[in-house]
PDB file of all heavy atoms in Angstrom:
ATOM      1  N   GLU A   1      -6.433   5.121  13.986  1.00  0.00           N
ATOM      2  CA  GLU A   1      -7.537   4.238  13.753  1.00  0.00           C
ATOM      3  C   GLU A   1      -8.694   5.042  13.001  1.00  0.00           C
ATOM      4  O   GLU A   1      -9.335   4.415  12.125  1.00  0.00           O
ATOM      5  CB  GLU A   1      -8.122   3.614  15.098  1.00  0.00           C
ATOM      6  CG  GLU A   1      -7.148   2.734  15.777  1.00  0.00           C
ATOM      7  CD  GLU A   1      -7.024   1.392  15.068  1.00  0.00           C
ATOM      8  OE1 GLU A   1      -7.891   0.976  14.286  1.00  0.00           O
ATOM      9  OE2 GLU A   1      -5.996   0.776  15.293  1.00  0.00           O
ATOM     10  N   GLY A   2      -8.829   6.244  13.343  1.00  0.00           N
ATOM     11  CA  GLY A   2      -9.913   7.091  12.699  1.00  0.00           C
ATOM     12  C   GLY A   2      -9.586   7.333  11.176  1.00  0.00           C
ATOM     13  O   GLY A   2     -10.439   7.236  10.319  1.00  0.00           O
ATOM     14  N   THR A   3      -8.272   7.495  10.974  1.00  0.00           N
ATOM     15  CA  THR A   3      -7.865   7.722   9.504  1.00  0.00           C
ATOM     16  C   THR A   3      -8.020   6.379   8.768  1.00  0.00           C
ATOM     17  O   THR A   3      -8.473   6.436   7.608  1.00  0.00           O
ATOM     18  CB  THR A   3      -6.294   8.043   9.535  1.00  0.00           C
ATOM     19  OG1 THR A   3      -6.219   9.340  10.210  1.00  0.00           O
ATOM     20  CG2 THR A   3      -5.858   8.276   8.090  1.00  0.00           C
ATOM     21  N   ILE A   4      -7.661   5.304   9.286  1.00  0.00           N
ATOM     22  CA  ILE A   4      -7.820   4.032   8.630  1.00  0.00           C
ATOM     23  C   ILE A   4      -9.434   3.740   8.419  1.00  0.00           C
ATOM     24  O   ILE A   4      -9.734   3.342   7.292  1.00  0.00           O
ATOM     25  CB  ILE A   4      -7.288   2.933   9.484  1.00  0.00           C
ATOM     26  CG1 ILE A   4      -5.748   2.911   9.468  1.00  0.00           C
ATOM     27  CG2 ILE A   4      -7.604   1.471   8.909  1.00  0.00           C
ATOM     28  CD1 ILE A   4      -4.993   2.051  10.421  1.00  0.00           C
ATOM     29  N   HIS A   5     -10.196   4.039   9.382  1.00  0.00           N
ATOM     30  CA  HIS A   5     -11.646   3.849   9.231  1.00  0.00           C
ATOM     31  C   HIS A   5     -12.181   4.752   8.055  1.00  0.00           C
ATOM     32  O   HIS A   5     -12.984   4.324   7.296  1.00  0.00           O
ATOM     33  CB  HIS A   5     -12.329   4.171  10.493  1.00  0.00           C
ATOM     34  CG  HIS A   5     -13.872   4.244  10.327  1.00  0.00           C
ATOM     35  ND1 HIS A   5     -14.566   3.018  10.098  1.00  0.00           N
ATOM     36  CD2 HIS A   5     -14.750   5.166  10.246  1.00  0.00           C
ATOM     37  CE1 HIS A   5     -15.849   3.315   9.971  1.00  0.00           C
ATOM     38  NE2 HIS A   5     -15.988   4.637  10.076  1.00  0.00           N
ATOM     39  N   GLN A   6     -11.667   6.000   8.074  1.00  0.00           N
ATOM     40  CA  GLN A   6     -12.154   6.898   6.969  1.00  0.00           C
ATOM     41  C   GLN A   6     -11.689   6.391   5.628  1.00  0.00           C
ATOM     42  O   GLN A   6     -12.485   6.436   4.656  1.00  0.00           O
ATOM     43  CB  GLN A   6     -11.561   8.283   7.235  1.00  0.00           C
ATOM     44  CG  GLN A   6     -12.103   9.372   6.242  1.00  0.00           C
ATOM     45  CD  GLN A   6     -11.494  10.688   6.407  1.00  0.00           C
ATOM     46  OE1 GLN A   6     -10.453  10.820   6.935  1.00  0.00           O
ATOM     47  NE2 GLN A   6     -12.103  11.730   5.854  1.00  0.00           N
ATOM     48  N   ALA A   7     -10.467   5.798   5.533  1.00  0.00           N
ATOM     49  CA  ALA A   7      -9.979   5.305   4.288  1.00  0.00           C
ATOM     50  C   ALA A   7     -10.835   4.155   3.759  1.00  0.00           C
ATOM     51  O   ALA A   7     -11.171   4.072   2.632  1.00  0.00           O
ATOM     52  CB  ALA A   7      -8.528   4.944   4.382  1.00  0.00           C
ATOM     53  N   VAL A   8     -11.233   3.257   4.708  1.00  0.00           N
ATOM     54  CA  VAL A   8     -11.932   2.121   4.380  1.00  0.00           C
ATOM     55  C   VAL A   8     -13.379   2.550   3.941  1.00  0.00           C
ATOM     56  O   VAL A   8     -14.014   2.062   3.011  1.00  0.00           O
ATOM     57  CB  VAL A   8     -11.971   1.101   5.500  1.00  0.00           C
ATOM     58  CG1 VAL A   8     -13.023   0.056   5.292  1.00  0.00           C
ATOM     59  CG2 VAL A   8     -10.654   0.498   5.651  1.00  0.00           C
ATOM     60  N   ALA A   9     -14.015   3.458   4.764  1.00  0.00           N
ATOM     61  CA  ALA A   9     -15.375   3.886   4.492  1.00  0.00           C
ATOM     62  C   ALA A   9     -15.494   4.659   3.237  1.00  0.00           C
ATOM     63  O   ALA A   9     -16.478   4.515   2.563  1.00  0.00           O
ATOM     64  CB  ALA A   9     -15.849   4.731   5.642  1.00  0.00           C
ATOM     65  N   VAL A  10     -14.548   5.596   3.002  1.00  0.00           N
ATOM     66  CA  VAL A  10     -14.726   6.487   1.846  1.00  0.00           C
ATOM     67  C   VAL A  10     -14.218   5.762   0.499  1.00  0.00           C
ATOM     68  O   VAL A  10     -14.840   5.850  -0.524  1.00  0.00           O
ATOM     69  CB  VAL A  10     -13.901   7.761   2.020  1.00  0.00           C
ATOM     70  CG1 VAL A  10     -13.868   8.611   0.819  1.00  0.00           C
ATOM     71  CG2 VAL A  10     -14.523   8.517   3.228  1.00  0.00           C
ATOM     72  N   THR A  11     -13.087   5.086   0.628  1.00  0.00           N
ATOM     73  CA  THR A  11     -12.534   4.570  -0.649  1.00  0.00           C
ATOM     74  C   THR A  11     -12.584   3.018  -0.760  1.00  0.00           C
ATOM     75  O   THR A  11     -12.217   2.510  -1.814  1.00  0.00           O
ATOM     76  CB  THR A  11     -11.070   4.914  -0.774  1.00  0.00           C
ATOM     77  OG1 THR A  11     -10.290   4.345   0.341  1.00  0.00           O
ATOM     78  CG2 THR A  11     -10.892   6.453  -0.682  1.00  0.00           C
ATOM     79  N   GLY A  12     -13.004   2.347   0.255  1.00  0.00           N
ATOM     80  CA  GLY A  12     -13.177   0.947   0.161  1.00  0.00           C
ATOM     81  C   GLY A  12     -11.784   0.273   0.089  1.00  0.00           C
ATOM     82  O   GLY A  12     -11.602  -0.699  -0.728  1.00  0.00           O
ATOM     83  N   MET A  13     -10.830   0.639   0.825  1.00  0.00           N
ATOM     84  CA  MET A  13      -9.432   0.236   0.658  1.00  0.00           C
ATOM     85  C   MET A  13      -9.189  -1.223   1.193  1.00  0.00           C
ATOM     86  O   MET A  13      -8.119  -1.710   1.232  1.00  0.00           O
ATOM     87  CB  MET A  13      -8.499   1.070   1.360  1.00  0.00           C
ATOM     88  CG  MET A  13      -8.355   2.430   0.543  1.00  0.00           C
ATOM     89  SD  MET A  13      -7.014   3.406   1.236  1.00  0.00           S
ATOM     90  CE  MET A  13      -5.592   2.428   1.050  1.00  0.00           C
ATOM     91  N   ARG A  14     -10.181  -1.941   1.697  1.00  0.00           N
ATOM     92  CA  ARG A  14      -9.986  -3.230   2.182  1.00  0.00           C
ATOM     93  C   ARG A  14      -9.622  -4.212   1.021  1.00  0.00           C
ATOM     94  O   ARG A  14      -8.884  -5.153   1.212  1.00  0.00           O
ATOM     95  CB  ARG A  14     -11.245  -3.829   2.910  1.00  0.00           C
ATOM     96  CG  ARG A  14     -11.425  -3.270   4.200  1.00  0.00           C
ATOM     97  CD  ARG A  14     -12.069  -4.199   5.192  1.00  0.00           C
ATOM     98  NE  ARG A  14     -12.526  -3.518   6.382  1.00  0.00           N
ATOM     99  CZ  ARG A  14     -11.803  -3.214   7.428  1.00  0.00           C
ATOM    100  NH1 ARG A  14     -10.597  -3.629   7.401  1.00  0.00           N
ATOM    101  NH2 ARG A  14     -12.335  -2.622   8.402  1.00  0.00           N
ATOM    102  N   ARG A  15     -10.170  -3.994  -0.155  1.00  0.00           N
ATOM    103  CA  ARG A  15      -9.861  -4.757  -1.286  1.00  0.00           C
ATOM    104  C   ARG A  15      -9.457  -3.898  -2.469  1.00  0.00           C
ATOM    105  O   ARG A  15     -10.024  -2.848  -2.795  1.00  0.00           O
ATOM    106  CB  ARG A  15     -11.025  -5.590  -1.654  1.00  0.00           C
ATOM    107  CG  ARG A  15     -11.458  -6.611  -0.695  1.00  0.00           C
ATOM    108  CD  ARG A  15     -12.275  -7.674  -1.391  1.00  0.00           C
ATOM    109  NE  ARG A  15     -12.570  -8.805  -0.522  1.00  0.00           N
ATOM    110  CZ  ARG A  15     -11.895  -9.874  -0.612  1.00  0.00           C
ATOM    111  NH1 ARG A  15     -11.040 -10.135  -1.462  1.00  0.00           N
ATOM    112  NH2 ARG A  15     -12.220 -10.858   0.302  1.00  0.00           N
ATOM    113  N   ALA A  16      -8.336  -4.351  -3.104  1.00  0.00           N
ATOM    114  CA  ALA A  16      -7.870  -3.581  -4.239  1.00  0.00           C
ATOM    115  C   ALA A  16      -8.765  -3.919  -5.484  1.00  0.00           C
ATOM    116  O   ALA A  16      -9.161  -4.998  -5.652  1.00  0.00           O
ATOM    117  CB  ALA A  16      -6.460  -3.950  -4.524  1.00  0.00           C
ATOM    118  N   ARG A  17      -9.014  -2.910  -6.275  1.00  0.00           N
ATOM    119  CA  ARG A  17      -9.941  -3.128  -7.464  1.00  0.00           C
ATOM    120  C   ARG A  17      -9.038  -3.658  -8.637  1.00  0.00           C
ATOM    121  O   ARG A  17      -9.550  -4.090  -9.619  1.00  0.00           O
ATOM    122  CB  ARG A  17     -10.505  -1.803  -7.893  1.00  0.00           C
ATOM    123  CG  ARG A  17     -11.493  -1.161  -6.889  1.00  0.00           C
ATOM    124  CD  ARG A  17     -12.046   0.092  -7.341  1.00  0.00           C
ATOM    125  NE  ARG A  17     -13.086   0.613  -6.369  1.00  0.00           N
ATOM    126  CZ  ARG A  17     -12.731   1.347  -5.392  1.00  0.00           C
ATOM    127  NH1 ARG A  17     -11.491   1.683  -5.108  1.00  0.00           N
ATOM    128  NH2 ARG A  17     -13.619   1.747  -4.531  1.00  0.00           N
ATOM    129  N   TYR A  18      -7.676  -3.528  -8.531  1.00  0.00           N
ATOM    130  CA  TYR A  18      -6.874  -3.849  -9.624  1.00  0.00           C
ATOM    131  C   TYR A  18      -5.938  -4.973  -9.280  1.00  0.00           C
ATOM    132  O   TYR A  18      -5.647  -5.204  -8.099  1.00  0.00           O
ATOM    133  CB  TYR A  18      -6.040  -2.650 -10.117  1.00  0.00           C
ATOM    134  CG  TYR A  18      -6.971  -1.407 -10.449  1.00  0.00           C
ATOM    135  CD1 TYR A  18      -7.021  -0.411  -9.505  1.00  0.00           C
ATOM    136  CD2 TYR A  18      -7.785  -1.389 -11.538  1.00  0.00           C
ATOM    137  CE1 TYR A  18      -7.950   0.651  -9.689  1.00  0.00           C
ATOM    138  CE2 TYR A  18      -8.672  -0.296 -11.777  1.00  0.00           C
ATOM    139  CZ  TYR A  18      -8.684   0.711 -10.800  1.00  0.00           C
ATOM    140  OH  TYR A  18      -9.513   1.690 -11.058  1.00  0.00           O
ATOM    141  N   LEU A  19      -5.358  -5.645 -10.246  1.00  0.00           N
ATOM    142  CA  LEU A  19      -4.328  -6.679 -10.047  1.00  0.00           C
ATOM    143  C   LEU A  19      -3.025  -6.098 -10.392  1.00  0.00           C
ATOM    144  O   LEU A  19      -2.880  -5.245 -11.299  1.00  0.00           O
ATOM    145  CB  LEU A  19      -4.620  -7.902 -10.974  1.00  0.00           C
ATOM    146  CG  LEU A  19      -5.878  -8.671 -10.700  1.00  0.00           C
ATOM    147  CD1 LEU A  19      -6.124  -9.759 -11.765  1.00  0.00           C
ATOM    148  CD2 LEU A  19      -5.869  -9.229  -9.369  1.00  0.00           C
ATOM    149  N   GLY A  20      -2.006  -6.517  -9.679  1.00  0.00           N
ATOM    150  CA  GLY A  20      -0.630  -5.999  -9.815  1.00  0.00           C
ATOM    151  C   GLY A  20      -0.256  -4.935  -8.869  1.00  0.00           C
ATOM    152  O   GLY A  20      -1.068  -4.170  -8.519  1.00  0.00           O
ATOM    153  N   LEU A  21       0.989  -4.936  -8.609  1.00  0.00           N
ATOM    154  CA  LEU A  21       1.525  -4.120  -7.630  1.00  0.00           C
ATOM    155  C   LEU A  21       1.519  -2.681  -7.935  1.00  0.00           C
ATOM    156  O   LEU A  21       1.088  -1.704  -7.282  1.00  0.00           O
ATOM    157  CB  LEU A  21       2.996  -4.507  -7.220  1.00  0.00           C
ATOM    158  CG  LEU A  21       3.693  -3.754  -6.035  1.00  0.00           C
ATOM    159  CD1 LEU A  21       2.863  -3.947  -4.776  1.00  0.00           C
ATOM    160  CD2 LEU A  21       5.044  -4.181  -5.886  1.00  0.00           C
ATOM    161  N   HIS A  22       1.780  -2.303  -9.256  1.00  0.00           N
ATOM    162  CA  HIS A  22       1.829  -1.015  -9.765  1.00  0.00           C
ATOM    163  C   HIS A  22       0.403  -0.332  -9.739  1.00  0.00           C
ATOM    164  O   HIS A  22       0.324   0.825  -9.272  1.00  0.00           O
ATOM    165  CB  HIS A  22       2.472  -0.877 -11.086  1.00  0.00           C
ATOM    166  CG  HIS A  22       3.958  -1.316 -11.137  1.00  0.00           C
ATOM    167  ND1 HIS A  22       4.898  -0.607 -10.315  1.00  0.00           N
ATOM    168  CD2 HIS A  22       4.493  -2.442 -11.700  1.00  0.00           C
ATOM    169  CE1 HIS A  22       6.051  -1.214 -10.609  1.00  0.00           C
ATOM    170  NE2 HIS A  22       5.851  -2.300 -11.430  1.00  0.00           N
ATOM    171  N   LYS A  23      -0.537  -1.046 -10.214  1.00  0.00           N
ATOM    172  CA  LYS A  23      -1.915  -0.576 -10.238  1.00  0.00           C
ATOM    173  C   LYS A  23      -2.462  -0.420  -8.880  1.00  0.00           C
ATOM    174  O   LYS A  23      -3.232   0.577  -8.525  1.00  0.00           O
ATOM    175  CB  LYS A  23      -2.850  -1.471 -10.989  1.00  0.00           C
ATOM    176  CG  LYS A  23      -2.555  -1.440 -12.527  1.00  0.00           C
ATOM    177  CD  LYS A  23      -3.429  -2.366 -13.260  1.00  0.00           C
ATOM    178  CE  LYS A  23      -3.153  -2.369 -14.770  1.00  0.00           C
ATOM    179  NZ  LYS A  23      -4.016  -3.274 -15.388  1.00  0.00           N
ATOM    180  N   THR A  24      -2.155  -1.344  -7.891  1.00  0.00           N
ATOM    181  CA  THR A  24      -2.623  -1.247  -6.530  1.00  0.00           C
ATOM    182  C   THR A  24      -2.021  -0.042  -5.857  1.00  0.00           C
ATOM    183  O   THR A  24      -2.607   0.687  -5.101  1.00  0.00           O
ATOM    184  CB  THR A  24      -2.373  -2.625  -5.835  1.00  0.00           C
ATOM    185  OG1 THR A  24      -2.915  -3.638  -6.595  1.00  0.00           O
ATOM    186  CG2 THR A  24      -2.873  -2.596  -4.436  1.00  0.00           C
ATOM    187  N   HIS A  25      -0.682   0.129  -6.083  1.00  0.00           N
ATOM    188  CA  HIS A  25      -0.080   1.311  -5.490  1.00  0.00           C
ATOM    189  C   HIS A  25      -0.597   2.576  -5.948  1.00  0.00           C
ATOM    190  O   HIS A  25      -0.868   3.529  -5.248  1.00  0.00           O
ATOM    191  CB  HIS A  25       1.465   1.324  -5.854  1.00  0.00           C
ATOM    192  CG  HIS A  25       2.218   2.481  -5.306  1.00  0.00           C
ATOM    193  ND1 HIS A  25       2.400   2.731  -4.053  1.00  0.00           N
ATOM    194  CD2 HIS A  25       2.764   3.495  -6.098  1.00  0.00           C
ATOM    195  CE1 HIS A  25       3.126   3.870  -3.931  1.00  0.00           C
ATOM    196  NE2 HIS A  25       3.288   4.335  -5.096  1.00  0.00           N
ATOM    197  N   LEU A  26      -0.950   2.726  -7.246  1.00  0.00           N
ATOM    198  CA  LEU A  26      -1.539   3.869  -7.782  1.00  0.00           C
ATOM    199  C   LEU A  26      -2.939   4.186  -7.200  1.00  0.00           C
ATOM    200  O   LEU A  26      -3.304   5.189  -6.910  1.00  0.00           O
ATOM    201  CB  LEU A  26      -1.616   3.752  -9.341  1.00  0.00           C
ATOM    202  CG  LEU A  26      -2.053   5.032 -10.080  1.00  0.00           C
ATOM    203  CD1 LEU A  26      -1.201   6.182  -9.880  1.00  0.00           C
ATOM    204  CD2 LEU A  26      -2.204   4.710 -11.590  1.00  0.00           C
ATOM    205  N   GLU A  27      -3.641   3.044  -7.019  1.00  0.00           N
ATOM    206  CA  GLU A  27      -4.966   3.197  -6.296  1.00  0.00           C
ATOM    207  C   GLU A  27      -4.843   3.746  -4.919  1.00  0.00           C
ATOM    208  O   GLU A  27      -5.568   4.545  -4.497  1.00  0.00           O
ATOM    209  CB  GLU A  27      -5.653   1.730  -6.272  1.00  0.00           C
ATOM    210  CG  GLU A  27      -6.998   1.887  -5.535  1.00  0.00           C
ATOM    211  CD  GLU A  27      -7.633   0.454  -5.368  1.00  0.00           C
ATOM    212  OE1 GLU A  27      -7.016  -0.531  -5.704  1.00  0.00           O
ATOM    213  OE2 GLU A  27      -8.779   0.470  -4.958  1.00  0.00           O
ATOM    214  N   HIS A  28      -3.836   3.235  -4.205  1.00  0.00           N
ATOM    215  CA  HIS A  28      -3.561   3.713  -2.865  1.00  0.00           C
ATOM    216  C   HIS A  28      -3.195   5.120  -2.825  1.00  0.00           C
ATOM    217  O   HIS A  28      -3.648   5.970  -1.977  1.00  0.00           O
ATOM    218  CB  HIS A  28      -2.592   2.850  -2.155  1.00  0.00           C
ATOM    219  CG  HIS A  28      -3.067   1.535  -1.784  1.00  0.00           C
ATOM    220  ND1 HIS A  28      -2.169   0.581  -1.403  1.00  0.00           N
ATOM    221  CD2 HIS A  28      -4.302   0.987  -1.765  1.00  0.00           C
ATOM    222  CE1 HIS A  28      -2.884  -0.600  -1.141  1.00  0.00           C
ATOM    223  NE2 HIS A  28      -4.173  -0.391  -1.348  1.00  0.00           N
ATOM    224  N   VAL A  29      -2.430   5.599  -3.739  1.00  0.00           N
ATOM    225  CA  VAL A  29      -1.937   7.053  -3.886  1.00  0.00           C
ATOM    226  C   VAL A  29      -3.227   7.881  -4.171  1.00  0.00           C
ATOM    227  O   VAL A  29      -3.444   8.937  -3.571  1.00  0.00           O
ATOM    228  CB  VAL A  29      -0.895   7.177  -5.003  1.00  0.00           C
ATOM    229  CG1 VAL A  29      -0.634   8.650  -5.225  1.00  0.00           C
ATOM    230  CG2 VAL A  29       0.365   6.459  -4.527  1.00  0.00           C
ATOM    231  N   PHE A  30      -4.049   7.486  -5.096  1.00  0.00           N
ATOM    232  CA  PHE A  30      -5.228   8.218  -5.432  1.00  0.00           C
ATOM    233  C   PHE A  30      -6.252   8.311  -4.235  1.00  0.00           C
ATOM    234  O   PHE A  30      -6.872   9.339  -3.940  1.00  0.00           O
ATOM    235  CB  PHE A  30      -6.037   7.648  -6.641  1.00  0.00           C
ATOM    236  CG  PHE A  30      -5.333   7.946  -7.905  1.00  0.00           C
ATOM    237  CD1 PHE A  30      -5.469   7.054  -8.980  1.00  0.00           C
ATOM    238  CD2 PHE A  30      -4.625   9.119  -8.154  1.00  0.00           C
ATOM    239  CE1 PHE A  30      -4.853   7.388 -10.185  1.00  0.00           C
ATOM    240  CE2 PHE A  30      -4.074   9.476  -9.383  1.00  0.00           C
ATOM    241  CZ  PHE A  30      -4.207   8.542 -10.361  1.00  0.00           C
ATOM    242  N   SER A  31      -6.307   7.219  -3.432  1.00  0.00           N
ATOM    243  CA  SER A  31      -7.145   7.185  -2.336  1.00  0.00           C
ATOM    244  C   SER A  31      -6.576   8.236  -1.205  1.00  0.00           C
ATOM    245  O   SER A  31      -7.351   8.852  -0.550  1.00  0.00           O
ATOM    246  CB  SER A  31      -7.162   5.822  -1.700  1.00  0.00           C
ATOM    247  OG  SER A  31      -7.753   4.882  -2.629  1.00  0.00           O
ATOM    248  N   ALA A  32      -5.279   8.223  -1.006  1.00  0.00           N
ATOM    249  CA  ALA A  32      -4.698   9.057  -0.099  1.00  0.00           C
ATOM    250  C   ALA A  32      -4.953  10.565  -0.483  1.00  0.00           C
ATOM    251  O   ALA A  32      -5.228  11.470   0.336  1.00  0.00           O
ATOM    252  CB  ALA A  32      -3.192   8.806   0.058  1.00  0.00           C
ATOM    253  N   VAL A  33      -4.750  10.888  -1.786  1.00  0.00           N
ATOM    254  CA  VAL A  33      -5.026  12.249  -2.322  1.00  0.00           C
ATOM    255  C   VAL A  33      -6.555  12.636  -2.102  1.00  0.00           C
ATOM    256  O   VAL A  33      -6.870  13.672  -1.683  1.00  0.00           O
ATOM    257  CB  VAL A  33      -4.672  12.295  -3.766  1.00  0.00           C
ATOM    258  CG1 VAL A  33      -5.193  13.623  -4.394  1.00  0.00           C
ATOM    259  CG2 VAL A  33      -3.246  12.200  -3.984  1.00  0.00           C
ATOM    260  N   ALA A  34      -7.439  11.644  -2.350  1.00  0.00           N
ATOM    261  CA  ALA A  34      -8.868  11.838  -2.162  1.00  0.00           C
ATOM    262  C   ALA A  34      -9.150  12.171  -0.653  1.00  0.00           C
ATOM    263  O   ALA A  34      -9.918  13.138  -0.391  1.00  0.00           O
ATOM    264  CB  ALA A  34      -9.684  10.696  -2.594  1.00  0.00           C
ATOM    265  N   LEU A  35      -8.502  11.406   0.218  1.00  0.00           N
ATOM    266  CA  LEU A  35      -8.723  11.652   1.663  1.00  0.00           C
ATOM    267  C   LEU A  35      -8.174  13.066   2.066  1.00  0.00           C
ATOM    268  O   LEU A  35      -8.840  13.816   2.835  1.00  0.00           O
ATOM    269  CB  LEU A  35      -8.179  10.547   2.486  1.00  0.00           C
ATOM    270  CG  LEU A  35      -8.791   9.219   2.473  1.00  0.00           C
ATOM    271  CD1 LEU A  35      -7.983   8.205   3.263  1.00  0.00           C
ATOM    272  CD2 LEU A  35     -10.186   9.269   2.999  1.00  0.00           C
ATOM    273  N   ASN A  36      -7.032  13.441   1.558  1.00  0.00           N
ATOM    274  CA  ASN A  36      -6.508  14.748   1.834  1.00  0.00           C
ATOM    275  C   ASN A  36      -7.376  15.887   1.357  1.00  0.00           C
ATOM    276  O   ASN A  36      -7.588  16.886   2.028  1.00  0.00           O
ATOM    277  CB  ASN A  36      -5.034  14.812   1.344  1.00  0.00           C
ATOM    278  CG  ASN A  36      -4.042  13.990   2.124  1.00  0.00           C
ATOM    279  OD1 ASN A  36      -4.282  13.742   3.237  1.00  0.00           O
ATOM    280  ND2 ASN A  36      -2.957  13.677   1.481  1.00  0.00           N
ATOM    281  N   LEU A  37      -7.932  15.628   0.137  1.00  0.00           N
ATOM    282  CA  LEU A  37      -8.886  16.681  -0.402  1.00  0.00           C
ATOM    283  C   LEU A  37     -10.134  16.811   0.452  1.00  0.00           C
ATOM    284  O   LEU A  37     -10.595  17.928   0.724  1.00  0.00           O
ATOM    285  CB  LEU A  37      -9.223  16.434  -1.892  1.00  0.00           C
ATOM    286  CG  LEU A  37      -7.985  16.633  -2.904  1.00  0.00           C
ATOM    287  CD1 LEU A  37      -8.397  16.068  -4.271  1.00  0.00           C
ATOM    288  CD2 LEU A  37      -7.558  18.021  -2.796  1.00  0.00           C
ATOM    289  N   ILE A  38     -10.680  15.607   0.914  1.00  0.00           N
ATOM    290  CA  ILE A  38     -11.830  15.679   1.801  1.00  0.00           C
ATOM    291  C   ILE A  38     -11.557  16.510   3.066  1.00  0.00           C
ATOM    292  O   ILE A  38     -12.298  17.280   3.565  1.00  0.00           O
ATOM    293  CB  ILE A  38     -12.316  14.241   1.990  1.00  0.00           C
ATOM    294  CG1 ILE A  38     -12.891  13.695   0.774  1.00  0.00           C
ATOM    295  CG2 ILE A  38     -13.291  14.247   3.101  1.00  0.00           C
ATOM    296  CD1 ILE A  38     -13.197  12.179   0.828  1.00  0.00           C
ATOM    297  N   ARG A  39     -10.369  16.153   3.621  1.00  0.00           N
ATOM    298  CA  ARG A  39     -10.055  16.822   4.915  1.00  0.00           C
ATOM    299  C   ARG A  39      -9.736  18.258   4.730  1.00  0.00           C
ATOM    300  O   ARG A  39     -10.147  19.082   5.565  1.00  0.00           O
ATOM    301  CB  ARG A  39      -8.732  16.096   5.514  1.00  0.00           C
ATOM    302  CG  ARG A  39      -9.115  14.740   5.949  1.00  0.00           C
ATOM    303  CD  ARG A  39      -7.905  14.038   6.562  1.00  0.00           C
ATOM    304  NE  ARG A  39      -8.398  12.866   7.202  1.00  0.00           N
ATOM    305  CZ  ARG A  39      -7.665  12.266   8.260  1.00  0.00           C
ATOM    306  NH1 ARG A  39      -6.582  12.798   8.625  1.00  0.00           N
ATOM    307  NH2 ARG A  39      -8.135  11.226   8.807  1.00  0.00           N
TER     308      ARG A  39
END
């Protein structure tokens, strides 16, 4: 739950910024990388 909260708070993952599965997947990958770098 803490990881999910951090992802939402830092990257705003509740809503995708892009349309389409490939772009949304890429956004999630970049968000995961950003969280790992922060940690």
